[in-house]
Protein backbone atom coordinates (compact mmCIF):
# COMPACT_ATOMS: atom_id res chain seq x y z
CA UNK A 1 83.95 121.67 94.33
CA UNK A 2 84.08 121.96 90.55
CA UNK A 3 82.35 119.58 88.16
CA UNK A 4 84.80 116.94 86.89
CA UNK A 5 84.53 115.07 83.59
CA UNK A 6 86.19 112.18 81.80
CA UNK A 7 87.16 113.50 78.38
CA UNK A 8 88.98 110.55 76.83
CA UNK A 9 89.89 106.95 77.53
CA UNK A 10 92.32 104.41 76.15
CA UNK A 11 93.44 100.85 76.83
CA UNK A 12 95.82 98.26 75.53
CA UNK A 13 94.60 94.74 74.99
CA UNK A 14 94.55 92.77 78.26
CA UNK A 15 96.38 89.44 78.33
CA UNK A 16 99.97 88.29 77.96
CA UNK A 17 101.89 91.21 76.44
CA UNK A 18 105.48 91.33 75.21
CA UNK A 19 106.12 95.08 75.58
CA UNK A 20 107.61 96.53 78.77
CA UNK A 21 105.51 98.01 81.55
CA UNK A 22 106.56 101.55 80.61
CA UNK A 23 105.74 100.93 76.95
CA UNK A 24 102.21 99.65 77.57
CA UNK A 25 101.56 102.53 79.99
CA UNK A 26 102.61 104.95 77.24
CA UNK A 27 100.43 103.20 74.65
CA UNK A 28 97.27 103.48 76.77
CA UNK A 29 98.07 107.08 77.73
CA UNK A 30 98.64 108.13 74.14
CA UNK A 31 95.34 106.45 73.19
CA UNK A 32 93.49 108.45 75.86
CA UNK A 33 95.16 111.73 74.88
CA UNK A 34 94.31 111.22 71.21
CA UNK A 35 90.73 110.24 72.07
CA UNK A 36 90.32 113.39 74.15
CA UNK A 37 91.50 115.58 71.29
CA UNK A 38 94.16 117.25 73.41
CA UNK A 39 97.94 117.63 73.40
CA UNK A 40 100.20 116.13 76.08
CA UNK A 41 101.08 119.72 77.00
CA UNK A 42 97.47 120.23 78.15
CA UNK A 43 98.13 117.73 80.96
CA UNK A 44 99.11 119.37 84.23
CA UNK A 45 99.68 116.27 86.41
CA UNK A 46 99.53 112.48 86.30
CA UNK A 47 98.37 109.71 88.64
CA UNK A 48 99.86 106.26 88.07
CA UNK A 49 98.32 103.07 89.52
CA UNK A 50 100.76 100.17 89.74
CA UNK A 51 101.43 97.42 92.24
CA UNK A 52 104.28 95.22 91.02
CA UNK A 53 106.48 97.41 88.85
CA UNK A 54 109.44 95.70 90.48
CA UNK A 55 108.42 92.51 88.61
CA UNK A 56 109.36 94.30 85.36
CA UNK A 57 112.28 96.19 86.93
CA UNK A 58 110.52 99.57 86.80
CA UNK A 59 109.12 101.33 89.84
CA UNK A 60 108.63 105.12 90.03
CA UNK A 61 106.73 104.91 86.77
CA UNK A 62 105.26 108.42 86.78
CA UNK A 63 108.33 110.38 85.69
CA UNK A 64 109.16 107.71 83.10
CA UNK A 65 105.70 108.04 81.57
CA UNK A 66 105.75 111.85 81.66
CA UNK A 67 109.16 111.84 79.96
CA UNK A 68 107.89 109.48 77.27
CA UNK A 69 104.93 111.80 76.64
CA UNK A 70 107.28 114.78 76.27
CA UNK A 71 106.21 116.55 79.47
CA UNK A 72 108.88 115.58 82.03
CA UNK A 73 108.27 118.72 84.09
CA UNK A 74 104.71 117.68 85.04
CA UNK A 75 104.31 116.15 88.52
CA UNK A 76 103.24 112.54 88.97
CA UNK A 77 101.99 110.44 91.85
CA UNK A 78 102.31 106.65 91.98
CA UNK A 79 99.57 104.86 93.92
CA UNK A 80 99.43 101.30 95.28
CA UNK A 81 96.26 99.92 96.83
CA UNK A 82 96.47 96.28 95.75
CA UNK A 83 93.80 95.35 93.18
CA UNK A 84 91.98 98.63 93.92
CA UNK A 85 94.92 100.82 92.86
CA UNK A 86 93.27 102.04 89.66
CA UNK A 87 90.12 103.36 91.29
CA UNK A 88 92.10 104.99 94.10
CA UNK A 89 94.33 106.73 91.55
CA UNK A 90 91.21 107.90 89.72
CA UNK A 91 89.78 109.22 92.98
CA UNK A 92 92.97 111.22 93.70
CA UNK A 93 92.93 112.66 90.19
CA UNK A 94 89.24 113.52 90.57
CA UNK A 95 89.79 115.23 93.93
CA UNK A 96 92.61 117.39 92.60
CA UNK A 97 90.58 118.62 89.64
CA UNK A 98 87.45 119.12 91.77
CA UNK A 99 89.48 121.00 94.35
CA UNK A 100 90.87 123.45 91.81
CA UNK A 101 94.50 122.38 91.78
CA UNK A 102 94.46 121.36 88.10
CA UNK A 103 92.18 121.75 85.08
CA UNK A 104 93.36 118.67 83.15
CA UNK A 105 95.15 115.54 84.40
CA UNK A 106 95.77 111.96 83.30
CA UNK A 107 95.20 108.80 85.34
CA UNK A 108 96.88 105.64 84.08
CA UNK A 109 96.88 102.13 85.51
CA UNK A 110 99.32 99.45 84.40
CA UNK A 111 100.59 96.00 85.33
CA UNK A 112 103.03 93.49 83.82
CA UNK A 113 103.18 90.17 85.68
CA UNK A 114 102.58 87.22 83.35
CA UNK A 115 106.28 86.84 82.57
CA UNK A 116 107.10 85.98 86.19
CA UNK A 117 105.29 82.62 86.10
CA UNK A 118 102.38 81.37 88.18
CA UNK A 119 104.37 80.67 91.36
CA UNK A 120 105.93 84.12 91.60
CA UNK A 121 102.80 85.94 90.47
CA UNK A 122 100.72 84.11 93.09
CA UNK A 123 103.35 85.04 95.69
CA UNK A 124 103.24 88.70 94.67
CA UNK A 125 99.45 88.68 94.98
CA UNK A 126 99.69 87.16 98.46
CA UNK A 127 101.68 90.20 99.59
CA UNK A 128 98.46 92.23 99.16
CA UNK A 129 96.71 90.29 101.93
CA UNK A 130 97.18 90.84 105.67
CA UNK A 131 100.34 88.82 105.22
CA UNK A 132 101.02 87.94 108.86
CA UNK A 133 97.57 86.42 109.37
CA UNK A 134 96.78 85.27 105.83
CA UNK A 135 99.45 85.02 103.13
CA UNK A 136 102.27 83.92 105.44
CA UNK A 137 99.96 81.30 106.93
CA UNK A 138 99.29 79.83 103.49
CA UNK A 139 95.98 81.51 102.68
CA UNK A 140 95.94 82.43 98.98
CA UNK A 141 93.33 84.75 97.51
CA UNK A 142 91.48 81.82 95.91
CA UNK A 143 91.40 80.26 99.38
CA UNK A 144 90.13 83.42 101.05
CA UNK A 145 87.37 83.95 98.48
CA UNK A 146 86.54 80.25 98.69
CA UNK A 147 85.89 80.82 102.40
CA UNK A 148 83.49 83.60 101.46
CA UNK A 149 81.83 81.39 98.85
CA UNK A 150 81.40 78.49 101.28
CA UNK A 151 79.91 80.81 103.89
CA UNK A 152 77.52 82.24 101.29
CA UNK A 153 76.42 78.82 100.07
CA UNK A 154 75.74 77.65 103.62
CA UNK A 155 73.93 80.82 104.72
CA UNK A 156 71.75 81.36 101.65
CA UNK A 157 71.38 77.80 100.33
CA UNK A 158 72.50 78.50 96.77
CA UNK A 159 74.29 76.06 94.47
CA UNK A 160 77.70 76.11 92.85
CA UNK A 161 75.86 76.24 89.53
CA UNK A 162 74.41 79.60 90.58
CA UNK A 163 77.95 80.95 90.95
CA UNK A 164 78.94 79.41 87.62
CA UNK A 165 76.24 81.49 85.90
CA UNK A 166 78.26 84.62 86.73
CA UNK A 167 81.26 83.28 84.81
CA UNK A 168 79.11 82.25 81.85
CA UNK A 169 77.55 85.71 81.61
CA UNK A 170 80.88 87.54 81.84
CA UNK A 171 82.49 85.34 79.20
CA UNK A 172 79.53 86.04 76.91
CA UNK A 173 80.14 89.78 77.35
CA UNK A 174 83.92 89.45 77.06
CA UNK A 175 83.60 87.66 73.74
CA UNK A 176 82.19 90.95 72.41
CA UNK A 177 85.17 92.96 73.73
CA UNK A 178 88.12 93.07 71.29
CA UNK A 179 90.53 93.97 74.12
CA UNK A 180 89.50 91.19 76.51
CA UNK A 181 91.96 88.56 77.73
CA UNK A 182 89.58 85.57 77.47
CA UNK A 183 87.34 85.96 74.43
CA UNK A 184 85.47 82.69 74.45
CA UNK A 185 82.04 81.53 75.56
CA UNK A 186 81.68 78.89 78.26
CA UNK A 187 78.79 76.93 79.77
CA UNK A 188 77.79 76.11 83.31
CA UNK A 189 78.97 72.57 82.59
CA UNK A 190 82.39 73.92 81.55
CA UNK A 191 82.69 75.75 84.87
CA UNK A 192 81.55 72.78 86.93
CA UNK A 193 83.95 70.38 85.21
CA UNK A 194 86.99 72.67 85.40
CA UNK A 195 89.74 71.95 87.93
CA UNK A 196 89.04 72.76 91.57
CA UNK A 197 91.26 75.64 92.70
CA UNK A 198 89.91 76.08 96.25
CA UNK A 199 86.58 74.39 96.91
CA UNK A 200 83.94 75.45 96.01
CA UNK A 201 85.75 77.66 93.48
CA UNK A 202 86.93 76.08 90.26
CA UNK A 203 89.24 77.35 87.56
CA UNK A 204 86.45 79.08 85.63
CA UNK A 205 85.27 80.82 88.82
CA UNK A 206 88.59 82.70 88.89
CA UNK A 207 89.88 85.64 86.87
CA UNK A 208 93.19 85.28 84.99
CA UNK A 209 96.53 86.97 85.65
CA UNK A 210 96.81 89.68 82.98
CA UNK A 211 99.15 92.33 81.64
CA UNK A 212 97.67 95.58 80.41
CA UNK A 213 97.21 99.32 80.79
CA UNK A 214 94.29 101.73 80.76
CA UNK A 215 94.22 105.51 80.88
CA UNK A 216 91.67 108.32 81.19
CA UNK A 217 91.75 112.10 80.95
CA UNK A 218 90.00 114.03 83.73
CA UNK A 219 89.24 117.73 83.44
CA UNK A 220 86.87 120.49 84.39
CA UNK A 221 83.57 120.66 82.54
CA UNK A 222 84.56 124.02 81.09
CA UNK A 223 87.70 122.44 79.60
CA UNK A 224 85.73 119.43 78.34
CA UNK A 225 83.13 121.54 76.53
CA UNK A 226 85.81 123.08 74.32
CA UNK A 227 87.21 119.70 73.26
CA UNK A 228 85.38 116.42 72.61
CA UNK A 229 82.86 113.94 73.98
CA UNK A 230 82.80 113.69 77.74
CA UNK A 231 80.92 112.22 80.68
CA UNK A 232 80.47 113.75 84.10
CA UNK A 233 81.73 112.21 87.34
CA UNK A 234 78.65 112.63 89.53
CA UNK A 235 79.55 110.49 92.55
CA UNK A 236 82.72 109.34 94.31
CA UNK A 237 83.13 107.31 97.47
CA UNK A 238 85.81 105.39 99.35
CA UNK A 239 85.61 102.86 102.16
CA UNK A 240 87.68 100.44 104.17
CA UNK A 241 87.29 97.00 105.79
CA UNK A 242 89.39 95.00 108.28
CA UNK A 243 92.40 93.80 106.29
CA UNK A 244 92.01 90.16 107.30
CA UNK A 245 88.79 88.21 106.83
CA UNK A 246 88.97 87.05 110.45
CA UNK A 247 88.39 90.63 111.57
CA UNK A 248 84.97 90.92 109.92
CA UNK A 249 81.58 90.20 111.44
CA UNK A 250 80.34 88.35 108.34
CA UNK A 251 82.04 86.71 105.36
CA UNK A 252 79.09 87.37 103.05
CA UNK A 253 79.44 91.14 102.83
CA UNK A 254 82.27 93.60 102.19
CA UNK A 255 81.94 96.65 104.47
CA UNK A 256 84.14 98.92 102.34
CA UNK A 257 81.81 98.49 99.36
CA UNK A 258 78.76 99.55 101.35
CA UNK A 259 80.57 102.59 102.76
CA UNK A 260 81.94 103.74 99.39
CA UNK A 261 78.62 103.15 97.62
CA UNK A 262 76.67 105.14 100.20
CA UNK A 263 79.00 108.11 99.74
CA UNK A 264 78.82 107.94 95.94
CA UNK A 265 75.02 107.63 95.82
CA UNK A 266 74.58 110.53 98.24
CA UNK A 267 76.95 112.75 96.26
CA UNK A 268 75.12 111.94 93.02
CA UNK A 269 71.71 112.30 94.67
CA UNK A 270 70.47 108.98 93.29
CA UNK A 271 69.53 105.50 94.47
CA UNK A 272 70.81 102.16 93.08
CA UNK A 273 67.74 101.69 90.89
CA UNK A 274 68.83 104.69 88.79
CA UNK A 275 72.06 102.96 87.68
CA UNK A 276 71.86 101.61 84.12
CA UNK A 277 74.97 99.39 84.20
CA UNK A 278 77.82 98.56 86.55
CA UNK A 279 81.42 97.44 86.24
CA UNK A 280 82.16 95.59 89.48
CA UNK A 281 85.15 93.77 90.96
CA UNK A 282 84.58 90.12 90.01
CA UNK A 283 87.99 88.63 90.74
CA UNK A 284 86.01 85.48 91.61
CA UNK A 285 82.38 84.68 90.84
CA UNK A 286 81.42 84.99 94.52
CA UNK A 287 82.85 88.51 94.53
CA UNK A 288 80.42 89.71 91.85
CA UNK A 289 77.49 88.21 93.75
CA UNK A 290 78.46 89.93 97.00
CA UNK A 291 79.24 93.17 95.15
CA UNK A 292 75.81 93.41 93.52
CA UNK A 293 74.16 93.03 96.92
CA UNK A 294 76.42 95.46 98.78
CA UNK A 295 75.93 98.03 96.00
CA UNK A 296 72.18 97.84 96.56
CA UNK A 297 71.10 96.14 93.33
CA UNK A 298 69.73 93.05 95.09
CA UNK A 299 68.74 92.08 98.61
CA UNK A 300 71.35 90.19 100.61
CA UNK A 301 71.28 86.52 99.72
CA UNK A 302 69.53 86.96 96.35
CA UNK A 303 72.41 88.07 94.09
CA UNK A 304 73.50 84.60 93.02
CA UNK A 305 70.02 83.55 91.94
CA UNK A 306 69.53 86.89 90.20
CA UNK A 307 72.61 86.14 88.09
CA UNK A 308 71.42 82.59 87.40
CA UNK A 309 68.03 83.99 86.31
CA UNK A 310 69.70 86.31 83.79
CA UNK A 311 68.95 89.55 85.63
CA UNK A 312 72.54 90.84 85.31
CA UNK A 313 73.01 90.12 81.61
CA UNK A 314 73.43 92.69 78.88
CA UNK A 315 70.26 94.82 78.59
CA UNK A 316 68.59 93.09 81.56
CA UNK A 317 67.49 94.48 84.96
CA UNK A 318 70.98 95.75 85.79
CA UNK A 319 73.73 94.84 83.29
CA UNK A 320 76.82 93.92 85.31
CA UNK A 321 80.27 93.86 83.72
CA UNK A 322 79.34 94.46 80.08
CA UNK A 323 83.11 94.60 79.40
CA UNK A 324 83.47 90.99 80.52
CA UNK A 325 84.73 92.04 83.93
CA UNK A 326 87.92 90.83 85.54
CA UNK A 327 86.73 87.29 84.83
CA UNK A 328 86.88 87.61 81.04
CA UNK A 329 88.28 91.03 80.17
CA UNK A 330 91.20 90.30 82.51
CA UNK A 331 92.82 91.64 85.67
CA UNK A 332 96.06 93.62 85.26
CA UNK A 333 95.69 94.72 88.85
CA UNK A 334 97.01 98.29 88.64
CA UNK A 335 94.98 98.90 85.49
CA UNK A 336 91.67 97.30 86.47
CA UNK A 337 90.00 100.28 88.17
CA UNK A 338 90.99 102.68 85.37
CA UNK A 339 89.85 100.11 82.81
CA UNK A 340 86.41 100.09 84.43
CA UNK A 341 86.22 103.89 84.02
CA UNK A 342 87.28 103.52 80.39
CA UNK A 343 84.39 101.07 79.89
CA UNK A 344 81.95 103.51 81.51
CA UNK A 345 83.21 106.24 79.19
CA UNK A 346 82.81 104.00 76.15
CA UNK A 347 79.31 102.95 77.17
CA UNK A 348 78.11 106.52 77.77
CA UNK A 349 79.68 107.98 74.61
CA UNK A 350 78.52 105.28 72.19
CA UNK A 351 81.90 103.56 71.73
CA UNK A 352 81.10 100.14 73.22
CA UNK A 353 80.03 98.44 69.99
CA UNK A 354 78.05 95.21 70.25
CA UNK A 355 78.34 95.12 74.05
CA UNK A 356 76.54 98.49 74.37
CA UNK A 357 73.87 98.84 77.04
CA UNK A 358 70.84 100.32 75.29
CA UNK A 359 69.82 103.77 76.48
CA UNK A 360 72.39 103.95 79.28
CA UNK A 361 72.50 107.30 81.05
CA UNK A 362 74.21 106.44 84.36
CA UNK A 363 77.06 103.98 84.98
CA UNK A 364 78.81 102.76 88.12
CA UNK A 365 82.34 101.44 88.69
CA UNK A 366 83.36 99.44 91.76
CA UNK A 367 86.93 98.32 92.43
CA UNK A 368 88.47 96.96 95.62
CA UNK A 369 91.85 95.83 96.90
CA UNK A 370 92.62 92.37 98.35
CA UNK A 371 89.41 90.89 99.85
CA UNK A 372 87.85 94.35 100.01
CA UNK A 373 90.14 96.00 102.56
CA UNK A 374 90.01 99.17 100.43
CA UNK A 375 87.36 100.18 97.92
CA UNK A 376 86.25 103.01 95.66
CA UNK A 377 82.91 103.49 93.90
CA UNK A 378 82.27 106.07 91.18
CA UNK A 379 79.17 107.16 89.29
CA UNK A 380 79.16 108.63 85.79
CA UNK A 381 76.44 110.30 83.74
CA UNK A 382 75.92 111.72 80.30
CA UNK A 383 76.20 115.54 80.37
């Protein structure tokens, strides 16, 4: 396999956007192309992550994007893997460059859902669950993650305030991110007094619905060296879990994360303690806690208290979600995994501004679909 690099990255602002899904995909892609210092004609193929294009009356986005970029003859592949679509698209792009099929490709994630209203958007999200056993039976994603949170609280004797600390930290980071959806600080008291969504999760334990797009350029190291700043992809892993929570042995761990992380660490030849920062899938505060344990940063049952003690803050033991994460940066589901890679690129090339992690050499991204039924983990390093 050939060495693969990320040469450029671009993103729109995350939040409620007025432009069409194809327009915001083109904006992020053009940003990545310009940042990489290449021409659209250098791109040999594209990988498009999107889940609910039908909500904006545009599926089969790949050829539309390639036509907009002036390269309609280049092949494209559209990928849907629920909230993990972005990281799965990145993995496919990575594999094709590593395997020698292409020297330079683009991976773009995009979503446009805020215009459909809360009821329809929540319904669309429910389709990503094991619908027969979960969504159809009335189990929303807040309800499913609330089940995980309640199990965690009972098993490890933590408090709801410990979970709230995750939200406070991510909002603090997101306030430093000019492209974040929710750029405001909050307190533990704010979280605790916000409306209950699904006990024990409250409004500020939950990420927002977001529109947005992110894009990255992947290429061989030889190609990257003749262009601009780049980072190496040093580890890649994928894993799966039973689709429905009822099929799992425990509610306080996500098997797909552990599988994908093990593969990525082994490929990179490193252990979790060598990671300088991580972008993880924090769709709910309990998710970040479980993620940090399954990724090997903390022992099982200690992640919530580690967050409450400040050990996951910017420039702490292991900075988690310096971008603000899904909780503050936002969650345009098809774009989220690519957006995490864009953050890793910015951190490792000195473009992260006041949210920069000092001295970072190795970064990790972790993105899963639904309640973790599918997952991808990637590791990045300075060349």
